[in-house]
């Protein structure tokens, strides 16, 4: 991966790690279908499942003044960094559903 190469070659990077920690969080979307099926309020946190998210990169970066900054970085493919294109009014339902999923 290009960013990892950059970390290895950059003299200002003191150290770095790939996926160094996991963060637990409550995911309100994890049980939405279940709640809809059983007529439960999916917005109620008691129905949310715990999920884990791995932070992509952690680096220690030496600044010009000599201080070291510790930074967490999220890396996404280019396609996920631009807004999805909204389908036209004559688009199929499948295209509208895909747009809604990507627009979250």
C-alpha atoms as a PDB file:
ATOM      1  CA  UNK A   1       0.000   0.000   0.000  1.00  0.00           C
ATOM      2  CA  UNK A   2       1.333   3.421  -0.965  1.00  0.00           C
ATOM      3  CA  UNK A   3       0.719   4.985   2.454  1.00  0.00           C
ATOM      4  CA  UNK A   4       2.670   2.248   4.240  1.00  0.00           C
ATOM      5  CA  UNK A   5       5.574   2.799   1.840  1.00  0.00           C
ATOM      6  CA  UNK A   6       5.387   6.520   2.596  1.00  0.00           C
ATOM      7  CA  UNK A   7       5.591   5.763   6.340  1.00  0.00           C
ATOM      8  CA  UNK A   8       8.636   3.531   5.811  1.00  0.00           C
ATOM      9  CA  UNK A   9      10.465   6.089   3.678  1.00  0.00           C
ATOM     10  CA  UNK A  10       9.594   9.293   5.582  1.00  0.00           C
ATOM     11  CA  UNK A  11      12.309  10.294   8.037  1.00  0.00           C
ATOM     12  CA  UNK A  12       9.768  12.272  10.103  1.00  0.00           C
ATOM     13  CA  UNK A  13       7.753   9.136  10.899  1.00  0.00           C
ATOM     14  CA  UNK A  14       9.146   7.952  14.238  1.00  0.00           C
ATOM     15  CA  UNK A  15       7.078   4.756  14.179  1.00  0.00           C
ATOM     16  CA  UNK A  16       3.817   3.466  12.801  1.00  0.00           C
ATOM     17  CA  UNK A  17       1.483   0.464  12.984  1.00  0.00           C
ATOM     18  CA  UNK A  18      -1.263  -1.009  10.838  1.00  0.00           C
ATOM     19  CA  UNK A  19      -4.571  -1.753  12.638  1.00  0.00           C
ATOM     20  CA  UNK A  20      -3.069  -1.260  16.110  1.00  0.00           C
ATOM     21  CA  UNK A  21      -6.326  -1.146  18.085  1.00  0.00           C
ATOM     22  CA  UNK A  22     -10.016  -2.007  17.908  1.00  0.00           C
ATOM     23  CA  UNK A  23     -12.717   0.339  19.073  1.00  0.00           C
ATOM     24  CA  UNK A  24     -16.006  -1.093  20.306  1.00  0.00           C
ATOM     25  CA  UNK A  25     -19.173   0.771  19.418  1.00  0.00           C
ATOM     26  CA  UNK A  26     -22.930   0.235  19.386  1.00  0.00           C
ATOM     27  CA  UNK A  27     -24.283  -0.158  15.863  1.00  0.00           C
ATOM     28  CA  UNK A  28     -27.910   1.008  15.478  1.00  0.00           C
ATOM     29  CA  UNK A  29     -28.161  -0.432  11.964  1.00  0.00           C
ATOM     30  CA  UNK A  30     -27.064  -3.941  12.926  1.00  0.00           C
ATOM     31  CA  UNK A  31     -30.551  -5.079  13.886  1.00  0.00           C
ATOM     32  CA  UNK A  32     -32.780  -2.834  11.809  1.00  0.00           C
ATOM     33  CA  UNK A  33     -34.378  -5.719   9.839  1.00  0.00           C
ATOM     34  CA  UNK A  34     -34.908  -7.719  13.039  1.00  0.00           C
ATOM     35  CA  UNK A  35     -36.625  -4.748  14.688  1.00  0.00           C
ATOM     36  CA  UNK A  36     -38.799  -4.090  11.651  1.00  0.00           C
ATOM     37  CA  UNK A  37     -39.844  -7.751  11.514  1.00  0.00           C
ATOM     38  CA  UNK A  38     -40.901  -7.786  15.182  1.00  0.00           C
ATOM     39  CA  UNK A  39     -42.232  -4.195  15.263  1.00  0.00           C
ATOM     40  CA  UNK A  40     -39.517  -2.969  17.638  1.00  0.00           C
ATOM     41  CA  UNK A  41     -38.069   0.538  17.722  1.00  0.00           C
ATOM     42  CA  UNK A  42     -34.627   0.188  16.088  1.00  0.00           C
ATOM     43  CA  UNK A  43     -33.637   3.597  17.512  1.00  0.00           C
ATOM     44  CA  UNK A  44     -33.722   2.129  21.050  1.00  0.00           C
ATOM     45  CA  UNK A  45     -30.098   1.343  22.059  1.00  0.00           C
ATOM     46  CA  UNK A  46     -31.109  -1.840  23.895  1.00  0.00           C
ATOM     47  CA  UNK A  47     -31.457  -3.504  20.468  1.00  0.00           C
ATOM     48  CA  UNK A  48     -28.104  -2.300  19.108  1.00  0.00           C
ATOM     49  CA  UNK A  49     -25.372  -4.880  18.748  1.00  0.00           C
ATOM     50  CA  UNK A  50     -21.811  -4.215  19.811  1.00  0.00           C
ATOM     51  CA  UNK A  51     -19.393  -4.101  16.902  1.00  0.00           C
ATOM     52  CA  UNK A  52     -15.643  -3.610  16.624  1.00  0.00           C
ATOM     53  CA  UNK A  53     -13.874  -1.211  14.339  1.00  0.00           C
ATOM     54  CA  UNK A  54     -10.153  -1.493  13.576  1.00  0.00           C
ATOM     55  CA  UNK A  55      -8.325   1.812  13.190  1.00  0.00           C
ATOM     56  CA  UNK A  56      -6.331   1.585   9.926  1.00  0.00           C
ATOM     57  CA  UNK A  57      -3.051   3.285  10.878  1.00  0.00           C
ATOM     58  CA  UNK A  58      -1.389   4.897  13.878  1.00  0.00           C
ATOM     59  CA  UNK A  59       1.718   7.004  13.342  1.00  0.00           C
ATOM     60  CA  UNK A  60       4.057   9.085  15.440  1.00  0.00           C
ATOM     61  CA  UNK A  61       5.130  12.011  13.284  1.00  0.00           C
ATOM     62  CA  UNK A  62       7.992  14.358  14.169  1.00  0.00           C
ATOM     63  CA  UNK A  63       7.020  17.993  13.558  1.00  0.00           C
ATOM     64  CA  UNK A  64       9.428  20.752  12.462  1.00  0.00           C
ATOM     65  CA  UNK A  65       9.663  22.035  16.051  1.00  0.00           C
ATOM     66  CA  UNK A  66      10.809  18.589  17.242  1.00  0.00           C
ATOM     67  CA  UNK A  67       7.549  17.599  18.941  1.00  0.00           C
ATOM     68  CA  UNK A  68       6.082  14.203  18.113  1.00  0.00           C
ATOM     69  CA  UNK A  69       2.414  14.044  17.132  1.00  0.00           C
ATOM     70  CA  UNK A  70       0.471  10.808  17.528  1.00  0.00           C
ATOM     71  CA  UNK A  71      -2.174  10.413  14.832  1.00  0.00           C
ATOM     72  CA  UNK A  72      -4.846   7.845  13.956  1.00  0.00           C
ATOM     73  CA  UNK A  73      -5.540   7.647  10.234  1.00  0.00           C
ATOM     74  CA  UNK A  74      -8.426   6.103   8.318  1.00  0.00           C
ATOM     75  CA  UNK A  75      -7.642   4.957   4.782  1.00  0.00           C
ATOM     76  CA  UNK A  76     -10.416   4.555   2.239  1.00  0.00           C
ATOM     77  CA  UNK A  77     -10.368   3.725  -1.462  1.00  0.00           C
ATOM     78  CA  UNK A  78     -11.016   6.686  -3.744  1.00  0.00           C
ATOM     79  CA  UNK A  79     -14.515   5.405  -4.623  1.00  0.00           C
ATOM     80  CA  UNK A  80     -15.520   5.743  -0.967  1.00  0.00           C
ATOM     81  CA  UNK A  81     -14.171   9.290  -0.687  1.00  0.00           C
ATOM     82  CA  UNK A  82     -16.540  10.874  -3.205  1.00  0.00           C
ATOM     83  CA  UNK A  83     -20.327  11.195  -2.949  1.00  0.00           C
ATOM     84  CA  UNK A  84     -22.276   8.564  -4.901  1.00  0.00           C
ATOM     85  CA  UNK A  85     -24.062   9.675  -8.056  1.00  0.00           C
ATOM     86  CA  UNK A  86     -27.797   9.981  -7.544  1.00  0.00           C
ATOM     87  CA  UNK A  87     -29.788   7.854  -9.994  1.00  0.00           C
ATOM     88  CA  UNK A  88     -32.198   9.557 -12.368  1.00  0.00           C
ATOM     89  CA  UNK A  89     -35.978   9.442 -11.985  1.00  0.00           C
ATOM     90  CA  UNK A  90     -36.254   6.541 -14.450  1.00  0.00           C
ATOM     91  CA  UNK A  91     -33.623   4.409 -12.705  1.00  0.00           C
ATOM     92  CA  UNK A  92     -34.477   0.942 -11.466  1.00  0.00           C
ATOM     93  CA  UNK A  93     -35.336   0.365  -7.814  1.00  0.00           C
ATOM     94  CA  UNK A  94     -32.087  -1.598  -7.458  1.00  0.00           C
ATOM     95  CA  UNK A  95     -30.087   1.535  -8.399  1.00  0.00           C
ATOM     96  CA  UNK A  96     -31.994   3.692  -5.880  1.00  0.00           C
ATOM     97  CA  UNK A  97     -31.364   1.138  -3.124  1.00  0.00           C
ATOM     98  CA  UNK A  98     -27.652   1.022  -3.967  1.00  0.00           C
ATOM     99  CA  UNK A  99     -27.494   4.828  -3.836  1.00  0.00           C
ATOM    100  CA  UNK A 100     -29.247   4.926  -0.451  1.00  0.00           C
ATOM    101  CA  UNK A 101     -26.843   2.334   0.947  1.00  0.00           C
ATOM    102  CA  UNK A 102     -23.787   4.233  -0.316  1.00  0.00           C
ATOM    103  CA  UNK A 103     -25.122   7.622   0.840  1.00  0.00           C
ATOM    104  CA  UNK A 104     -25.302   6.603   4.517  1.00  0.00           C
END
